[in-house]
């Protein structure tokens, strides 16, 4: 009797790729220490001296001023190709 090989449906493949992609992105992203969400591109994240980072939505809940404020950039920021004009 022939063995049937397990096949992936398109939905299974999409789910596996999504999980793989999320795992790879979670290493270097900012997370809010209070609510746990990832701030959006263009949003400001507030860093405190105790090592915590807070999104703009949770910032009003803290009384202490942040040590620094950083703008969240797109993941590909700095990896774009820049066009340079060569002198003739």
Protein backbone atom coordinates (compact mmCIF):
# COMPACT_ATOMS: atom_id res chain seq x y z
CA UNK A 1 0.00 0.00 0.00
CA UNK A 2 1.56 3.39 -0.97
CA UNK A 3 2.33 5.94 1.77
CA UNK A 4 0.72 9.33 1.52
CA UNK A 5 3.06 12.24 2.09
CA UNK A 6 1.78 15.04 4.29
CA UNK A 7 0.96 18.10 2.23
CA UNK A 8 0.79 21.70 3.30
CA UNK A 9 -2.29 23.65 2.42
CA UNK A 10 -1.79 27.30 1.47
CA UNK A 11 -3.25 28.34 4.84
CA UNK A 12 -0.71 26.15 6.72
CA UNK A 13 2.15 27.59 4.69
CA UNK A 14 1.01 31.17 5.35
CA UNK A 15 0.77 30.47 9.08
CA UNK A 16 4.27 28.94 9.21
CA UNK A 17 5.79 31.86 7.29
CA UNK A 18 4.01 34.37 9.52
CA UNK A 19 5.29 32.70 12.70
CA UNK A 20 8.81 32.51 11.32
CA UNK A 21 8.77 36.18 10.34
CA UNK A 22 7.45 37.31 13.71
CA UNK A 23 10.14 35.37 15.53
CA UNK A 24 12.89 36.98 13.47
CA UNK A 25 11.54 40.49 13.97
CA UNK A 26 11.05 40.24 17.72
CA UNK A 27 14.78 40.27 18.46
CA UNK A 28 15.58 43.89 17.67
CA UNK A 29 12.32 45.75 18.14
CA UNK A 30 11.29 48.16 20.88
CA UNK A 31 8.61 47.10 23.34
CA UNK A 32 6.76 49.29 25.82
CA UNK A 33 7.62 48.26 29.38
CA UNK A 34 4.13 49.16 30.60
CA UNK A 35 1.67 47.87 27.97
CA UNK A 36 3.93 45.54 25.96
CA UNK A 37 2.99 46.87 22.54
CA UNK A 38 5.42 47.70 19.74
CA UNK A 39 5.46 51.43 18.94
CA UNK A 40 4.63 52.32 15.35
CA UNK A 41 7.04 53.84 12.85
CA UNK A 42 7.21 57.59 13.47
CA UNK A 43 6.12 57.29 17.09
CA UNK A 44 8.39 58.41 19.91
CA UNK A 45 9.66 56.01 22.55
CA UNK A 46 10.81 57.35 25.92
CA UNK A 47 13.84 55.73 27.59
CA UNK A 48 14.38 56.00 31.35
CA UNK A 49 17.47 55.67 33.53
CA UNK A 50 16.22 52.39 35.05
CA UNK A 51 16.39 50.74 31.60
CA UNK A 52 12.67 50.81 30.84
CA UNK A 53 11.21 52.13 27.58
CA UNK A 54 7.70 53.51 27.33
CA UNK A 55 5.51 54.34 24.31
CA UNK A 56 3.78 57.71 23.83
CA UNK A 57 0.47 56.33 25.08
CA UNK A 58 1.93 55.23 28.43
CA UNK A 59 4.22 58.26 28.90
CA UNK A 60 1.61 60.40 30.74
CA UNK A 61 1.33 57.68 33.42
CA UNK A 62 4.92 58.34 34.57
CA UNK A 63 5.93 61.34 36.66
CA UNK A 64 9.67 61.14 36.04
CA UNK A 65 11.11 62.81 32.93
CA UNK A 66 12.72 60.39 30.45
CA UNK A 67 16.50 60.31 30.04
CA UNK A 68 16.11 60.44 26.26
CA UNK A 69 13.42 60.32 23.60
CA UNK A 70 13.91 58.38 20.37
CA UNK A 71 11.95 58.36 17.14
CA UNK A 72 11.02 54.85 15.98
CA UNK A 73 12.34 54.36 12.45
CA UNK A 74 11.29 51.91 9.77
CA UNK A 75 13.13 48.55 10.03
CA UNK A 76 14.89 49.25 6.72
CA UNK A 77 16.11 52.68 7.86
CA UNK A 78 19.74 53.11 6.87
CA UNK A 79 19.69 50.23 4.40
CA UNK A 80 18.40 52.19 1.42
CA UNK A 81 20.52 52.80 -1.66
CA UNK A 82 21.54 56.43 -1.94
CA UNK A 83 22.00 57.98 -5.36
CA UNK A 84 25.24 59.91 -5.69
CA UNK A 85 26.06 62.25 -8.52
CA UNK A 86 29.49 61.81 -9.98
CA UNK A 87 31.46 64.89 -11.00
CA UNK A 88 32.01 65.04 -14.75
